Amino acid sequence: MATKNITGPEFKDTIHGDGITLVDFWASWCGPCMRFGPIYEKASEANPDITFAKVDTEAEHDLAGALGISSIPTLMVFRDNVLVYREAGALPAPALDSLITQVRELDMEALKAKIAEEEAASGAQA
């Protein structure tokens, strides 16, 4: 599957649900973004079961601002509707491949249980 350009209104629908979704926040004037673009596209072709989305931060100021995107490129990775990775900076191909492998291997039941425990503990303290 090739990458998919998304807008602010499409963001929530894109990241919700089961499976893995990567979102690349970029701009056309950003050199590192332009170098990362072909790496991201190649990874999307090698992993057709994963959604690879792109958000143009110039066109989507409101979305980028709401998500606190202050440096680009920024890559966010969601799995089963949980944000599992967020980092600014262009990744080389081997690092992106490694990240995808790590996300595939996550024990989501254990992760969701940990999140629930943390939310319950913070709710009890409030």
N, C-alpha and C. Protein backbone atom coordinates (compact mmCIF):
# COMPACT_ATOMS: atom_id res chain seq x y z
N MET A 1 0.85 -1.18 0.00
CA MET A 1 0.00 0.00 0.00
C MET A 1 0.89 1.24 0.00
N ALA A 2 0.56 2.18 -0.81
CA ALA A 2 1.32 3.44 -0.85
C ALA A 2 0.88 4.32 0.31
N THR A 3 1.62 5.39 0.51
CA THR A 3 1.26 6.32 1.58
C THR A 3 -0.01 7.06 1.22
N LYS A 4 -0.68 7.54 2.25
CA LYS A 4 -1.95 8.24 2.08
C LYS A 4 -1.85 9.61 2.72
N ASN A 5 -2.09 10.67 1.95
CA ASN A 5 -2.11 12.01 2.51
C ASN A 5 -3.43 12.22 3.22
N ILE A 6 -3.36 12.69 4.47
CA ILE A 6 -4.59 12.89 5.24
C ILE A 6 -4.67 14.33 5.74
N THR A 7 -5.89 14.74 6.03
CA THR A 7 -6.15 16.08 6.56
C THR A 7 -6.60 15.94 8.01
N GLY A 8 -6.76 17.08 8.66
CA GLY A 8 -7.20 17.09 10.05
C GLY A 8 -8.45 16.28 10.31
N PRO A 9 -9.52 16.48 9.50
CA PRO A 9 -10.74 15.71 9.74
C PRO A 9 -10.56 14.20 9.56
N GLU A 10 -9.61 13.78 8.78
CA GLU A 10 -9.38 12.35 8.53
C GLU A 10 -8.49 11.70 9.58
N PHE A 11 -7.81 12.51 10.39
CA PHE A 11 -6.80 11.99 11.31
C PHE A 11 -7.36 10.94 12.26
N LYS A 12 -8.42 11.28 12.99
CA LYS A 12 -8.97 10.35 13.99
C LYS A 12 -9.43 9.05 13.35
N ASP A 13 -10.12 9.14 12.21
CA ASP A 13 -10.58 7.92 11.54
C ASP A 13 -9.40 7.06 11.09
N THR A 14 -8.30 7.70 10.71
CA THR A 14 -7.13 6.97 10.22
C THR A 14 -6.43 6.21 11.34
N ILE A 15 -6.32 6.81 12.52
CA ILE A 15 -5.57 6.16 13.60
C ILE A 15 -6.42 5.22 14.45
N HIS A 16 -7.76 5.34 14.38
CA HIS A 16 -8.63 4.49 15.20
C HIS A 16 -8.74 3.09 14.61
N GLY A 17 -8.99 2.15 15.48
CA GLY A 17 -9.23 0.78 15.04
C GLY A 17 -8.01 -0.09 15.26
N ASP A 18 -8.18 -1.34 14.89
CA ASP A 18 -7.10 -2.31 15.06
C ASP A 18 -6.06 -2.14 13.97
N GLY A 19 -4.87 -2.63 14.28
CA GLY A 19 -3.79 -2.58 13.31
C GLY A 19 -2.79 -1.49 13.61
N ILE A 20 -1.83 -1.36 12.71
CA ILE A 20 -0.72 -0.41 12.88
C ILE A 20 -0.89 0.73 11.88
N THR A 21 -0.72 1.95 12.39
CA THR A 21 -0.77 3.14 11.55
C THR A 21 0.44 4.02 11.87
N LEU A 22 1.19 4.37 10.84
CA LEU A 22 2.29 5.32 10.96
C LEU A 22 1.83 6.64 10.36
N VAL A 23 2.17 7.75 11.01
CA VAL A 23 1.82 9.07 10.50
C VAL A 23 3.08 9.92 10.48
N ASP A 24 3.44 10.38 9.29
CA ASP A 24 4.61 11.23 9.06
C ASP A 24 4.14 12.66 8.91
N PHE A 25 4.59 13.54 9.82
CA PHE A 25 4.30 14.97 9.73
C PHE A 25 5.48 15.63 9.03
N TRP A 26 5.22 16.34 7.94
CA TRP A 26 6.28 16.84 7.07
C TRP A 26 5.88 18.19 6.46
N ALA A 27 6.83 18.80 5.75
CA ALA A 27 6.57 20.00 4.95
C ALA A 27 7.51 19.99 3.74
N SER A 28 7.07 20.59 2.67
CA SER A 28 7.85 20.55 1.42
C SER A 28 9.16 21.32 1.52
N TRP A 29 9.27 22.29 2.41
CA TRP A 29 10.49 23.09 2.54
C TRP A 29 11.52 22.43 3.46
N CYS A 30 11.16 21.31 4.07
CA CYS A 30 12.00 20.64 5.08
C CYS A 30 12.92 19.61 4.42
N GLY A 31 14.22 19.89 4.41
CA GLY A 31 15.19 18.98 3.81
C GLY A 31 15.15 17.57 4.38
N PRO A 32 15.22 17.41 5.72
CA PRO A 32 15.15 16.06 6.27
C PRO A 32 13.84 15.34 5.90
N CYS A 33 12.74 16.10 5.79
CA CYS A 33 11.46 15.50 5.40
C CYS A 33 11.57 14.93 3.98
N MET A 34 12.20 15.69 3.10
CA MET A 34 12.33 15.25 1.71
C MET A 34 13.23 14.02 1.60
N ARG A 35 14.23 13.92 2.46
CA ARG A 35 15.10 12.74 2.45
C ARG A 35 14.40 11.53 3.06
N PHE A 36 13.54 11.76 4.06
CA PHE A 36 12.81 10.68 4.70
C PHE A 36 11.66 10.15 3.83
N GLY A 37 11.08 11.01 3.01
CA GLY A 37 9.93 10.64 2.19
C GLY A 37 10.10 9.35 1.40
N PRO A 38 11.19 9.20 0.62
CA PRO A 38 11.37 7.95 -0.15
C PRO A 38 11.56 6.72 0.75
N ILE A 39 12.19 6.89 1.90
CA ILE A 39 12.37 5.78 2.85
C ILE A 39 11.00 5.34 3.36
N TYR A 40 10.17 6.30 3.71
CA TYR A 40 8.82 6.04 4.22
C TYR A 40 7.97 5.36 3.15
N GLU A 41 8.06 5.85 1.92
CA GLU A 41 7.30 5.28 0.80
C GLU A 41 7.71 3.83 0.55
N LYS A 42 9.02 3.57 0.59
CA LYS A 42 9.51 2.21 0.36
C LYS A 42 9.02 1.27 1.46
N ALA A 43 9.02 1.75 2.71
CA ALA A 43 8.52 0.93 3.83
C ALA A 43 7.03 0.64 3.66
N SER A 44 6.29 1.62 3.13
CA SER A 44 4.85 1.40 2.92
C SER A 44 4.61 0.31 1.88
N GLU A 45 5.45 0.27 0.87
CA GLU A 45 5.31 -0.76 -0.17
C GLU A 45 5.70 -2.14 0.36
N ALA A 46 6.65 -2.19 1.30
CA ALA A 46 7.12 -3.46 1.85
C ALA A 46 6.20 -3.99 2.95
N ASN A 47 5.30 -3.15 3.46
CA ASN A 47 4.41 -3.53 4.56
C ASN A 47 2.96 -3.17 4.21
N PRO A 48 2.36 -3.89 3.26
CA PRO A 48 1.02 -3.53 2.80
C PRO A 48 -0.08 -3.69 3.84
N ASP A 49 0.20 -4.37 4.95
CA ASP A 49 -0.79 -4.56 6.00
C ASP A 49 -0.82 -3.39 6.98
N ILE A 50 0.07 -2.43 6.81
CA ILE A 50 0.16 -1.28 7.71
C ILE A 50 -0.32 -0.04 6.96
N THR A 51 -1.01 0.86 7.67
CA THR A 51 -1.41 2.14 7.10
C THR A 51 -0.28 3.14 7.28
N PHE A 52 0.15 3.74 6.20
CA PHE A 52 1.18 4.77 6.20
C PHE A 52 0.53 6.08 5.75
N ALA A 53 0.37 7.01 6.70
CA ALA A 53 -0.27 8.28 6.41
C ALA A 53 0.76 9.41 6.47
N LYS A 54 0.45 10.48 5.76
CA LYS A 54 1.31 11.67 5.76
C LYS A 54 0.44 12.89 6.02
N VAL A 55 0.96 13.81 6.84
CA VAL A 55 0.26 15.06 7.11
C VAL A 55 1.20 16.20 6.74
N ASP A 56 0.76 17.02 5.78
CA ASP A 56 1.50 18.22 5.38
C ASP A 56 1.24 19.30 6.42
N THR A 57 2.24 19.60 7.23
CA THR A 57 2.04 20.54 8.34
C THR A 57 1.76 21.96 7.85
N GLU A 58 2.16 22.29 6.63
CA GLU A 58 1.86 23.61 6.07
C GLU A 58 0.36 23.74 5.77
N ALA A 59 -0.23 22.69 5.26
CA ALA A 59 -1.66 22.70 4.93
C ALA A 59 -2.52 22.42 6.15
N GLU A 60 -1.95 21.74 7.14
CA GLU A 60 -2.71 21.31 8.32
C GLU A 60 -2.14 21.91 9.61
N HIS A 61 -2.06 23.25 9.63
CA HIS A 61 -1.52 23.95 10.82
C HIS A 61 -2.28 23.59 12.09
N ASP A 62 -3.61 23.56 12.00
CA ASP A 62 -4.42 23.32 13.20
C ASP A 62 -4.16 21.94 13.78
N LEU A 63 -4.09 20.93 12.92
CA LEU A 63 -3.83 19.57 13.40
C LEU A 63 -2.45 19.47 14.01
N ALA A 64 -1.45 20.00 13.31
CA ALA A 64 -0.07 19.96 13.83
C ALA A 64 0.01 20.67 15.19
N GLY A 65 -0.66 21.81 15.30
CA GLY A 65 -0.66 22.55 16.56
C GLY A 65 -1.36 21.79 17.68
N ALA A 66 -2.50 21.19 17.36
CA ALA A 66 -3.26 20.44 18.36
C ALA A 66 -2.47 19.24 18.88
N LEU A 67 -1.62 18.67 18.02
CA LEU A 67 -0.82 17.51 18.42
C LEU A 67 0.55 17.90 18.97
N GLY A 68 0.82 19.20 19.03
CA GLY A 68 2.10 19.66 19.58
C GLY A 68 3.29 19.35 18.71
N ILE A 69 3.09 19.32 17.40
CA ILE A 69 4.20 19.06 16.48
C ILE A 69 5.01 20.34 16.38
N SER A 70 6.24 20.30 16.89
CA SER A 70 7.08 21.50 16.86
C SER A 70 8.34 21.32 16.01
N SER A 71 8.66 20.10 15.67
CA SER A 71 9.80 19.80 14.80
C SER A 71 9.35 18.78 13.76
N ILE A 72 9.88 18.94 12.56
CA ILE A 72 9.54 17.97 11.51
C ILE A 72 10.82 17.49 10.85
N PRO A 73 10.79 16.28 10.33
CA PRO A 73 9.66 15.37 10.36
C PRO A 73 9.44 14.83 11.77
N THR A 74 8.19 14.56 12.08
CA THR A 74 7.83 13.84 13.30
C THR A 74 7.05 12.61 12.87
N LEU A 75 7.41 11.47 13.46
CA LEU A 75 6.74 10.22 13.15
C LEU A 75 5.96 9.78 14.39
N MET A 76 4.67 9.49 14.18
CA MET A 76 3.83 8.93 15.24
C MET A 76 3.40 7.54 14.78
N VAL A 77 3.40 6.59 15.71
CA VAL A 77 2.98 5.23 15.39
C VAL A 77 1.89 4.82 16.38
N PHE A 78 0.79 4.35 15.82
CA PHE A 78 -0.35 3.87 16.61
C PHE A 78 -0.53 2.39 16.35
N ARG A 79 -0.87 1.66 17.40
CA ARG A 79 -1.26 0.26 17.21
C ARG A 79 -2.50 0.01 18.04
N ASP A 80 -3.51 -0.49 17.39
CA ASP A 80 -4.79 -0.77 18.05
C ASP A 80 -5.29 0.44 18.83
N ASN A 81 -5.19 1.61 18.18
CA ASN A 81 -5.70 2.87 18.74
C ASN A 81 -4.88 3.39 19.93
N VAL A 82 -3.65 2.93 20.09
CA VAL A 82 -2.77 3.38 21.17
C VAL A 82 -1.51 3.99 20.54
N LEU A 83 -1.16 5.20 20.97
CA LEU A 83 0.08 5.82 20.52
C LEU A 83 1.24 5.08 21.18
N VAL A 84 2.08 4.43 20.36
CA VAL A 84 3.17 3.64 20.92
C VAL A 84 4.54 4.23 20.61
N TYR A 85 4.59 5.25 19.74
CA TYR A 85 5.87 5.87 19.38
C TYR A 85 5.61 7.27 18.86
N ARG A 86 6.46 8.20 19.28
CA ARG A 86 6.39 9.57 18.77
C ARG A 86 7.79 10.15 18.89
N GLU A 87 8.35 10.54 17.76
CA GLU A 87 9.71 11.08 17.78
C GLU A 87 9.91 11.99 16.58
N ALA A 88 10.62 13.09 16.80
CA ALA A 88 11.00 13.98 15.71
C ALA A 88 12.34 13.52 15.14
N GLY A 89 12.50 13.73 13.84
CA GLY A 89 13.75 13.38 13.18
C GLY A 89 13.54 12.32 12.13
N ALA A 90 14.32 12.42 11.07
CA ALA A 90 14.23 11.45 9.98
C ALA A 90 14.97 10.17 10.37
N LEU A 91 14.32 9.05 10.15
CA LEU A 91 14.94 7.75 10.44
C LEU A 91 15.59 7.18 9.18
N PRO A 92 16.76 6.58 9.32
CA PRO A 92 17.30 5.83 8.18
C PRO A 92 16.46 4.56 7.98
N ALA A 93 16.52 3.99 6.80
CA ALA A 93 15.70 2.81 6.47
C ALA A 93 15.84 1.68 7.49
N PRO A 94 17.06 1.30 7.91
CA PRO A 94 17.16 0.19 8.88
C PRO A 94 16.46 0.50 10.21
N ALA A 95 16.52 1.75 10.64
CA ALA A 95 15.87 2.12 11.90
C ALA A 95 14.35 2.08 11.76
N LEU A 96 13.83 2.51 10.62
CA LEU A 96 12.38 2.45 10.39
C LEU A 96 11.93 1.00 10.33
N ASP A 97 12.68 0.16 9.65
CA ASP A 97 12.35 -1.27 9.59
C ASP A 97 12.36 -1.90 10.98
N SER A 98 13.35 -1.54 11.80
CA SER A 98 13.45 -2.05 13.16
C SER A 98 12.26 -1.58 14.00
N LEU A 99 11.89 -0.32 13.85
CA LEU A 99 10.74 0.22 14.59
C LEU A 99 9.47 -0.55 14.22
N ILE A 100 9.27 -0.79 12.94
CA ILE A 100 8.08 -1.53 12.50
C ILE A 100 8.07 -2.93 13.11
N THR A 101 9.21 -3.59 13.12
CA THR A 101 9.32 -4.92 13.72
C THR A 101 8.97 -4.87 15.21
N GLN A 102 9.50 -3.87 15.92
CA GLN A 102 9.22 -3.75 17.36
C GLN A 102 7.74 -3.50 17.62
N VAL A 103 7.11 -2.68 16.79
CA VAL A 103 5.69 -2.39 16.98
C VAL A 103 4.87 -3.65 16.71
N ARG A 104 5.25 -4.42 15.70
CA ARG A 104 4.55 -5.68 15.40
C ARG A 104 4.63 -6.64 16.58
N GLU A 105 5.76 -6.63 17.30
CA GLU A 105 6.00 -7.59 18.38
C GLU A 105 5.44 -7.15 19.73
N LEU A 106 4.87 -5.96 19.81
CA LEU A 106 4.32 -5.48 21.09
C LEU A 106 3.22 -6.41 21.60
N ASP A 107 3.22 -6.64 22.90
CA ASP A 107 2.14 -7.37 23.56
C ASP A 107 1.09 -6.32 23.93
N MET A 108 0.11 -6.15 23.05
CA MET A 108 -0.86 -5.09 23.25
C MET A 108 -1.77 -5.33 24.45
N GLU A 109 -2.07 -6.57 24.77
CA GLU A 109 -2.89 -6.84 25.95
C GLU A 109 -2.18 -6.35 27.21
N ALA A 110 -0.89 -6.65 27.31
CA ALA A 110 -0.11 -6.21 28.48
C ALA A 110 0.01 -4.69 28.49
N LEU A 111 0.22 -4.09 27.33
CA LEU A 111 0.36 -2.64 27.25
C LEU A 111 -0.95 -1.94 27.65
N LYS A 112 -2.06 -2.43 27.14
CA LYS A 112 -3.35 -1.83 27.48
C LYS A 112 -3.68 -2.02 28.97
N ALA A 113 -3.29 -3.15 29.55
CA ALA A 113 -3.49 -3.38 30.98
C ALA A 113 -2.67 -2.39 31.80
N LYS A 114 -1.43 -2.14 31.37
CA LYS A 114 -0.57 -1.19 32.06
C LYS A 114 -1.15 0.23 31.98
N ILE A 115 -1.64 0.60 30.81
CA ILE A 115 -2.26 1.92 30.64
C ILE A 115 -3.47 2.06 31.55
N ALA A 116 -4.29 1.02 31.61
CA ALA A 116 -5.47 1.04 32.48
C ALA A 116 -5.09 1.19 33.94
N GLU A 117 -4.04 0.49 34.36
CA GLU A 117 -3.55 0.60 35.74
C GLU A 117 -3.08 2.02 36.04
N GLU A 118 -2.32 2.61 35.11
CA GLU A 118 -1.81 3.96 35.31
C GLU A 118 -2.95 4.98 35.37
N GLU A 119 -3.95 4.79 34.50
CA GLU A 119 -5.09 5.71 34.51
C GLU A 119 -5.87 5.57 35.81
N ALA A 120 -6.04 4.35 36.30
CA ALA A 120 -6.77 4.13 37.55
C ALA A 120 -5.99 4.75 38.72
N ALA A 121 -4.67 4.60 38.71
CA ALA A 121 -3.86 5.17 39.79
C ALA A 121 -3.89 6.70 39.76
N SER A 122 -3.84 7.28 38.58
CA SER A 122 -3.86 8.75 38.51
C SER A 122 -5.27 9.27 38.85
N GLY A 123 -6.30 8.50 38.52
CA GLY A 123 -7.65 8.90 38.88
C GLY A 123 -7.89 8.84 40.37
N ALA A 124 -7.27 7.86 41.03
CA ALA A 124 -7.40 7.72 42.48
C ALA A 124 -6.69 8.85 43.21
N GLN A 125 -5.63 9.41 42.61
CA GLN A 125 -4.87 10.47 43.24
C GLN A 125 -5.52 11.83 43.06
N ALA A 126 -6.40 11.94 42.08
CA ALA A 126 -7.01 13.24 41.78
C ALA A 126 -8.07 13.63 42.77
